[in-house]
Amino acid sequence: MKVGFISFHSFANPGGVKNHILGLSKEFEKRGIETKIIVPRRKLWEKYDKNVILLGTSIPINVIGTQGDLVFNLNPLAIKRVLKREQFDVLHFHNFIAPSAIQILEKSDSLNIITSHANIEAAPFIKKMIGNLNNLVNRKVSGIIGVAPFNLDLFDRFEGCKEVIPNGIDLLDFNPSIKRLNKFDKEKINILFLGRIEERKGLIYLLKAYKILKKKHNNIRLIIVGEGPLKNECQEYVQANKLEDVFWEGKQTGKIVAQYYSTCDIYCSPAIFGESFGIVLLEAMASKKPVVAFANAGYKELLKETKGEEFLATPRDEVELSSKLEKLIVDEKLRKEMGEWGLKEAEKYSWDKVADRVLNFYKKCS
């Protein structure tokens, strides 16, 4: 079997879809399944290994409080050449972004599968757009996966196979044995934020919660990993409120990301909307760290009916967020207990288990 994973999101920056494709591809390769990854080019200098094919162009656009992609192929013949050369048995689309997705799907003779990662709660126009493509999707696509149940809402008129298969995690990359960063001593309790500094990720609410907490707890430290358009605004808030022990670490990639998880005592993701799953929560949990977050749709789905629900706060409510964090700040035993629970929960999402389900879905749709 030969599988082509198609991303309509640039690989030039970190992202959940990128991590998902890389994780699933790696697991398939372990099993002797040949894979290629097709991604659009955003920057001239982009270079990847032979497993990645650059096809089409990605233009970054700001939409619903985050950065998205507009992807198109100026040379339709290039699509035809790639598909003819590679002879994929399965083309696995990750999200469905026009016009490039339409261009590729129309030329594909493979088994076509879509995984929907998109949370469209703040963008109903996307659902309308997909609805207009209903005939094409029903004609050319054999199955659709959602990483959470609400991801399938985007394709509610699809007549083929559907299934919910969650995101996965590499337990070798994220685990409790990863070495911590020595530059952050153990004298303070480390709270970690890791993500893009943009409206959707809600860092400003964590800063407001930290302000509340810092008045009562001088033994806490906030570590911020990431870049984004609202970084200056957030830094101005820190300066204006004279918040101490806030560390701006910038954008980090590769193995050092896992070290930040290992260094923290509490991981916090104050994303206010638009999250489909919560891979950052899963990475922290796999690192045996307790997590606190806002109760957006994706995080609620990941943590529903578990002990983790107790540490979800109402989105945009910094007072409630500070209260959830404080429970863990003052109780070391609870931090340990929630870390151990999270590790066991994360093991359910190992890539080998997720890959089994995806491969079975391919068979089901064939």
Protein backbone atom coordinates (compact mmCIF):
# COMPACT_ATOMS: atom_id res chain seq x y z
CA MET A 1 0.00 0.00 0.00
CA LYS A 2 1.12 3.54 -0.76
CA VAL A 3 -0.50 6.47 1.04
CA GLY A 4 -0.31 10.15 0.18
CA PHE A 5 -1.06 12.49 3.07
CA ILE A 6 -2.20 15.89 1.83
CA SER A 7 -1.90 18.95 4.04
CA PHE A 8 -3.46 22.25 3.05
CA HIS A 9 -1.60 23.94 5.87
CA SER A 10 1.97 25.10 5.41
CA PHE A 11 4.70 23.04 7.08
CA ALA A 12 6.79 26.20 7.52
CA ASN A 13 5.35 26.66 11.03
CA PRO A 14 4.32 24.30 13.85
CA GLY A 15 0.71 23.17 13.88
CA GLY A 16 -1.66 20.44 15.00
CA VAL A 17 -2.42 19.15 11.51
CA LYS A 18 1.29 19.01 10.72
CA ASN A 19 2.00 17.02 13.89
CA HIS A 20 -0.87 14.66 13.14
CA ILE A 21 0.34 13.91 9.61
CA LEU A 22 3.95 13.42 10.71
CA GLY A 23 2.92 11.12 13.55
CA LEU A 24 0.65 8.97 11.42
CA SER A 25 3.17 8.82 8.57
CA LYS A 26 5.92 7.72 10.96
CA GLU A 27 3.73 4.94 12.34
CA PHE A 28 2.76 3.76 8.84
CA GLU A 29 6.42 3.66 7.80
CA LYS A 30 7.19 1.45 10.84
CA ARG A 31 4.71 -1.03 9.41
CA GLY A 32 6.26 -1.02 5.95
CA ILE A 33 3.58 1.18 4.40
CA GLU A 34 5.09 3.64 1.93
CA THR A 35 4.00 7.23 2.50
CA LYS A 36 4.52 10.64 0.95
CA ILE A 37 3.39 13.99 2.34
CA ILE A 38 2.10 16.67 0.00
CA VAL A 39 2.24 20.25 1.32
CA PRO A 40 1.91 23.72 -0.21
CA ARG A 41 4.90 26.04 -0.37
CA ARG A 42 4.74 29.28 1.61
CA LYS A 43 8.40 30.38 1.58
CA LEU A 44 11.01 30.12 -1.16
CA TRP A 45 13.60 28.56 1.13
CA GLU A 46 11.44 25.63 2.24
CA LYS A 47 13.25 22.32 1.93
CA TYR A 48 12.22 18.94 3.31
CA ASP A 49 13.37 15.36 2.98
CA LYS A 50 12.45 13.16 0.03
CA ASN A 51 9.26 12.05 1.78
CA VAL A 52 7.70 15.53 1.33
CA ILE A 53 6.39 16.83 -2.00
CA LEU A 54 5.84 20.59 -2.39
CA LEU A 55 2.72 21.19 -4.46
CA GLY A 56 0.79 24.43 -4.71
CA THR A 57 1.13 27.71 -2.84
CA SER A 58 -0.09 28.68 0.62
CA ILE A 59 -0.98 32.28 1.37
CA PRO A 60 -1.40 33.01 5.10
CA ILE A 61 -4.70 34.66 5.99
CA ASN A 62 -6.09 35.85 9.30
CA VAL A 63 -9.45 34.24 10.01
CA ILE A 64 -11.50 33.88 13.22
CA GLY A 65 -8.67 34.95 15.50
CA THR A 66 -5.97 32.71 14.09
CA GLN A 67 -3.76 32.23 11.05
CA GLY A 68 -5.14 30.09 8.27
CA ASP A 69 -4.18 29.16 4.70
CA LEU A 70 -5.53 29.94 1.27
CA VAL A 71 -4.07 27.25 -0.99
CA PHE A 72 -4.13 27.03 -4.77
CA ASN A 73 -2.25 25.41 -7.66
CA LEU A 74 -1.40 27.76 -10.52
CA ASN A 75 -0.21 24.80 -12.56
CA PRO A 76 -2.89 22.06 -12.63
CA LEU A 77 -0.59 19.90 -14.78
CA ALA A 78 1.76 19.60 -11.78
CA ILE A 79 -0.98 17.80 -9.85
CA LYS A 80 -1.47 15.35 -12.69
CA ARG A 81 2.28 14.69 -12.93
CA VAL A 82 2.62 14.01 -9.19
CA LEU A 83 -0.36 11.66 -9.02
CA LYS A 84 0.75 9.77 -12.14
CA ARG A 85 4.32 9.42 -10.85
CA GLU A 86 3.44 8.36 -7.29
CA GLN A 87 0.50 6.03 -8.03
CA PHE A 88 -1.04 6.34 -4.56
CA ASP A 89 -3.45 3.66 -3.39
CA VAL A 90 -4.89 6.10 -0.85
CA LEU A 91 -4.99 9.89 -0.87
CA HIS A 92 -5.65 11.06 2.67
CA PHE A 93 -6.70 14.73 2.75
CA HIS A 94 -6.29 16.58 6.04
CA ASN A 95 -8.94 19.30 6.07
CA PHE A 96 -10.40 20.45 2.78
CA ILE A 97 -9.27 23.92 1.74
CA ALA A 98 -10.32 25.40 -1.58
CA PRO A 99 -9.35 25.71 -4.30
CA SER A 100 -6.40 23.30 -4.04
CA ALA A 101 -8.42 20.47 -2.46
CA ILE A 102 -10.91 20.62 -5.32
CA GLN A 103 -8.14 20.63 -7.93
CA ILE A 104 -6.45 17.54 -6.44
CA LEU A 105 -9.65 15.61 -5.71
CA GLU A 106 -10.94 16.04 -9.26
CA LYS A 107 -7.74 14.47 -10.65
CA SER A 108 -7.47 11.62 -8.14
CA ASP A 109 -8.22 8.00 -9.03
CA SER A 110 -7.14 6.75 -5.58
CA LEU A 111 -9.23 5.84 -2.56
CA ASN A 112 -9.93 9.34 -1.22
CA ILE A 113 -10.23 9.88 2.53
CA ILE A 114 -10.66 13.16 4.42
CA THR A 115 -9.77 13.80 8.04
CA SER A 116 -11.59 16.87 9.32
CA HIS A 117 -9.61 18.74 11.98
CA ALA A 118 -11.59 21.96 11.61
CA ASN A 119 -13.71 23.39 14.42
CA ILE A 120 -16.11 25.69 12.60
CA GLU A 121 -18.01 27.02 15.63
CA ALA A 122 -16.81 30.55 14.85
CA ALA A 123 -16.85 30.22 11.05
CA PRO A 124 -20.22 29.00 9.73
CA PHE A 125 -19.27 30.30 6.26
CA ILE A 126 -16.83 27.38 5.94
CA LYS A 127 -19.67 24.89 6.34
CA LYS A 128 -21.63 26.72 3.66
CA MET A 129 -18.64 26.52 1.33
CA ILE A 130 -18.26 22.76 1.90
CA GLY A 131 -22.00 22.36 1.37
CA ASN A 132 -21.62 23.84 -2.09
CA LEU A 133 -19.10 21.08 -2.86
CA ASN A 134 -21.40 18.32 -1.67
CA ASN A 135 -21.80 16.68 -5.09
CA LEU A 136 -18.04 16.54 -5.70
CA VAL A 137 -17.30 15.13 -2.23
CA ASN A 138 -20.00 12.48 -2.46
CA ARG A 139 -18.81 11.48 -5.93
CA LYS A 140 -15.06 11.30 -5.22
CA VAL A 141 -14.60 10.69 -1.46
CA SER A 142 -15.05 7.25 0.12
CA GLY A 143 -14.77 8.12 3.80
CA ILE A 144 -14.49 10.98 6.26
CA ILE A 145 -12.81 10.93 9.68
CA GLY A 146 -13.36 13.51 12.40
CA VAL A 147 -10.82 13.90 15.21
CA ALA A 148 -13.86 14.70 17.40
CA PRO A 149 -17.59 14.18 16.76
CA PHE A 150 -18.30 17.84 15.98
CA ASN A 151 -15.64 17.82 13.23
CA LEU A 152 -18.01 15.66 11.18
CA ASP A 153 -20.65 18.42 11.27
CA LEU A 154 -18.79 20.04 8.41
CA PHE A 155 -19.77 17.09 6.20
CA ASP A 156 -23.25 16.36 7.52
CA ARG A 157 -24.55 15.77 3.98
CA PHE A 158 -21.86 13.21 3.14
CA GLU A 159 -23.33 9.81 2.25
CA GLY A 160 -20.25 7.58 2.67
CA CYS A 161 -18.39 6.09 5.64
CA LYS A 162 -17.82 8.31 8.68
CA GLU A 163 -15.92 7.66 11.89
CA VAL A 164 -14.42 9.54 14.83
CA ILE A 165 -10.72 8.72 15.24
CA PRO A 166 -8.82 11.03 17.61
CA ASN A 167 -5.43 12.64 17.32
CA GLY A 168 -2.45 10.60 18.44
CA ILE A 169 0.75 11.19 20.36
CA ASP A 170 4.28 9.79 20.19
CA LEU A 171 4.99 8.52 23.69
CA LEU A 172 8.71 8.37 22.91
CA ASP A 173 8.79 12.09 22.13
CA PHE A 174 6.67 13.09 25.14
CA ASN A 175 7.14 11.18 28.38
CA PRO A 176 8.17 11.74 32.02
CA SER A 177 11.79 10.73 31.44
CA ILE A 178 12.56 13.76 29.22
CA LYS A 179 15.24 15.94 30.82
CA ARG A 180 14.05 19.26 32.27
CA LEU A 181 15.66 22.62 31.48
CA ASN A 182 18.20 23.56 34.14
CA LYS A 183 17.75 27.31 33.68
CA PHE A 184 14.44 27.16 35.56
CA ASP A 185 15.22 26.12 39.12
CA LYS A 186 12.81 24.18 41.30
CA GLU A 187 12.37 26.95 43.85
CA LYS A 188 9.26 28.18 42.07
CA ILE A 189 6.22 26.41 40.64
CA ASN A 190 6.42 26.66 36.86
CA ILE A 191 3.23 27.33 34.88
CA LEU A 192 3.71 26.78 31.14
CA PHE A 193 1.92 28.26 28.13
CA LEU A 194 2.94 26.84 24.76
CA GLY A 195 1.26 28.05 21.60
CA ARG A 196 0.80 30.83 19.08
CA ILE A 197 0.23 34.21 20.70
CA GLU A 198 -2.99 35.16 18.96
CA GLU A 199 -6.56 35.90 19.93
CA ARG A 200 -7.78 32.30 19.74
CA LYS A 201 -5.11 30.97 22.10
CA GLY A 202 -6.16 33.39 24.85
CA LEU A 203 -2.81 34.15 26.48
CA ILE A 204 -4.08 37.50 27.77
CA TYR A 205 -6.55 35.68 30.04
CA LEU A 206 -3.77 33.56 31.53
CA LEU A 207 -1.79 36.75 32.19
CA LYS A 208 -4.80 38.23 33.97
CA ALA A 209 -5.19 35.04 36.01
CA TYR A 210 -1.47 35.11 36.80
CA LYS A 211 -1.84 38.69 38.07
CA ILE A 212 -4.51 37.49 40.52
CA LEU A 213 -2.39 34.55 41.64
CA LYS A 214 0.88 36.48 41.97
CA LYS A 215 -0.66 38.68 44.67
CA LYS A 216 -1.11 35.61 46.86
CA HIS A 217 1.63 33.26 45.70
CA ASN A 218 5.14 34.60 45.19
CA ASN A 219 6.47 31.09 44.52
CA ILE A 220 5.07 30.87 40.97
CA ARG A 221 6.68 31.51 37.59
CA LEU A 222 5.06 31.80 34.14
CA ILE A 223 6.95 30.43 31.13
CA ILE A 224 5.62 31.49 27.72
CA VAL A 225 6.74 29.57 24.63
CA GLY A 226 5.57 30.94 21.29
CA GLU A 227 5.31 33.91 18.97
CA GLY A 228 2.39 35.67 17.35
CA PRO A 229 0.69 38.95 16.48
CA LEU A 230 -0.46 39.70 20.02
CA LYS A 231 2.92 39.21 21.69
CA ASN A 232 3.64 42.96 22.03
CA GLU A 233 0.19 43.57 23.50
CA CYS A 234 0.71 40.79 26.04
CA GLN A 235 4.19 42.02 26.95
CA GLU A 236 2.79 45.53 27.48
CA TYR A 237 0.23 44.08 29.87
CA VAL A 238 2.98 42.38 31.87
CA GLN A 239 5.01 45.59 32.03
CA ALA A 240 2.03 47.80 32.88
CA ASN A 241 1.02 45.51 35.74
CA LYS A 242 4.62 44.96 36.91
CA LEU A 243 4.24 41.19 36.82
CA GLU A 244 7.39 39.43 37.94
CA ASP A 245 8.74 36.02 36.96
CA VAL A 246 7.28 36.02 33.45
CA PHE A 247 9.66 34.50 30.90
CA TRP A 248 9.25 34.94 27.14
CA GLU A 249 10.98 32.02 25.44
CA GLY A 250 9.97 32.72 21.83
CA LYS A 251 9.19 30.09 19.23
CA GLN A 252 10.65 26.65 19.99
CA THR A 253 10.64 23.53 17.85
CA GLY A 254 12.02 20.02 17.96
CA LYS A 255 13.04 18.08 21.03
CA ILE A 256 13.33 21.13 23.28
CA VAL A 257 9.54 21.48 23.26
CA ALA A 258 9.26 18.27 25.29
CA GLN A 259 11.81 19.69 27.74
CA TYR A 260 9.55 22.66 28.42
CA TYR A 261 6.75 20.25 29.34
CA SER A 262 9.14 18.37 31.62
CA THR A 263 10.22 21.64 33.26
CA CYS A 264 6.73 22.83 34.12
CA ASP A 265 4.69 21.86 37.18
CA ILE A 266 1.37 22.87 35.62
CA TYR A 267 0.47 23.24 31.95
CA CYS A 268 -2.19 25.80 31.04
CA SER A 269 -3.91 26.32 27.69
CA PRO A 270 -6.36 29.25 27.82
CA ALA A 271 -7.62 28.81 24.23
CA ILE A 272 -11.03 30.43 24.06
CA PHE A 273 -12.45 28.75 20.91
CA GLY A 274 -11.62 26.92 17.71
CA GLU A 275 -9.82 23.93 19.24
CA SER A 276 -10.77 20.61 17.68
CA PHE A 277 -8.96 18.28 20.03
CA GLY A 278 -6.26 19.55 22.37
CA ILE A 279 -2.96 17.99 21.32
CA VAL A 280 -1.03 20.34 23.63
CA LEU A 281 -3.03 19.01 26.58
CA LEU A 282 -2.22 15.47 25.50
CA GLU A 283 1.50 16.28 25.19
CA ALA A 284 1.53 17.71 28.70
CA MET A 285 -0.42 14.74 30.06
CA ALA A 286 2.02 12.32 28.40
CA SER A 287 4.77 14.26 30.18
CA LYS A 288 2.97 13.47 33.47
CA LYS A 289 1.91 17.08 34.08
CA PRO A 290 -1.47 18.31 35.35
CA VAL A 291 -3.37 20.50 32.89
CA VAL A 292 -5.66 23.49 33.30
CA ALA A 293 -7.55 24.98 30.37
CA PHE A 294 -10.60 26.81 29.17
CA ALA A 295 -13.61 24.63 28.37
CA ASN A 296 -13.70 25.14 24.60
CA ALA A 297 -15.41 22.48 22.49
CA GLY A 298 -12.27 20.48 21.68
CA TYR A 299 -10.93 20.39 25.23
CA LYS A 300 -14.33 19.43 26.62
CA GLU A 301 -14.49 16.52 24.19
CA LEU A 302 -10.99 15.31 25.15
CA LEU A 303 -11.60 15.51 28.89
CA LYS A 304 -15.32 14.72 29.14
CA GLU A 305 -16.35 12.30 31.87
CA THR A 306 -12.83 12.23 33.30
CA LYS A 307 -11.03 13.75 36.27
CA GLY A 308 -9.65 16.36 33.89
CA GLU A 309 -13.07 18.04 33.60
CA GLU A 310 -12.57 19.57 37.04
CA PHE A 311 -9.76 21.74 35.69
CA LEU A 312 -11.65 23.30 32.78
CA ALA A 313 -12.74 26.91 33.32
CA THR A 314 -15.34 28.99 31.51
CA PRO A 315 -13.68 30.63 28.47
CA ARG A 316 -12.58 34.26 29.04
CA ASP A 317 -13.13 33.97 32.81
CA GLU A 318 -9.71 34.72 34.29
CA VAL A 319 -11.03 34.55 37.86
CA GLU A 320 -12.25 30.99 37.43
CA LEU A 321 -9.05 30.11 35.58
CA SER A 322 -6.97 31.44 38.48
CA SER A 323 -9.06 29.36 40.88
CA LYS A 324 -8.41 26.15 38.91
CA LEU A 325 -4.69 26.91 38.81
CA GLU A 326 -4.61 27.73 42.51
CA LYS A 327 -5.93 24.29 43.44
CA LEU A 328 -2.80 22.80 41.93
CA ILE A 329 -0.42 25.51 43.12
CA VAL A 330 -1.25 24.91 46.79
CA ASP A 331 -1.50 21.13 46.65
CA GLU A 332 1.62 19.23 45.55
CA LYS A 333 -0.10 15.90 46.17
CA LEU A 334 -2.93 16.88 43.80
CA ARG A 335 -0.41 17.93 41.15
CA LYS A 336 1.19 14.49 41.37
CA GLU A 337 -2.16 12.72 41.32
CA MET A 338 -3.38 14.59 38.23
CA GLY A 339 -0.04 14.07 36.51
CA GLU A 340 -0.26 10.31 37.03
CA TRP A 341 -3.88 10.28 35.83
CA GLY A 342 -2.96 12.27 32.72
CA LEU A 343 -0.15 9.89 31.79
CA LYS A 344 -2.49 6.89 31.90
CA GLU A 345 -5.08 8.78 29.85
CA ALA A 346 -2.50 9.84 27.23
CA GLU A 347 -1.46 6.23 26.67
CA LYS A 348 -4.88 5.61 25.11
CA TYR A 349 -3.86 7.90 22.25
CA SER A 350 -0.57 6.31 21.21
CA TRP A 351 0.02 6.43 17.46
CA ASP A 352 0.04 2.65 17.13
CA LYS A 353 -3.54 2.50 18.42
CA VAL A 354 -4.67 5.41 16.25
CA ALA A 355 -2.96 3.95 13.16
CA ASP A 356 -4.77 0.63 13.65
CA ARG A 357 -8.09 2.45 13.52
CA VAL A 358 -7.15 4.50 10.45
CA LEU A 359 -6.01 1.42 8.52
CA ASN A 360 -9.20 -0.42 9.44
CA PHE A 361 -11.16 2.58 8.19
CA TYR A 362 -9.36 2.42 4.85
CA LYS A 363 -10.44 -1.24 4.52
CA LYS A 364 -13.98 -0.36 5.49
CA CYS A 365 -14.16 2.31 2.79
CA SER A 366 -12.51 0.27 0.02
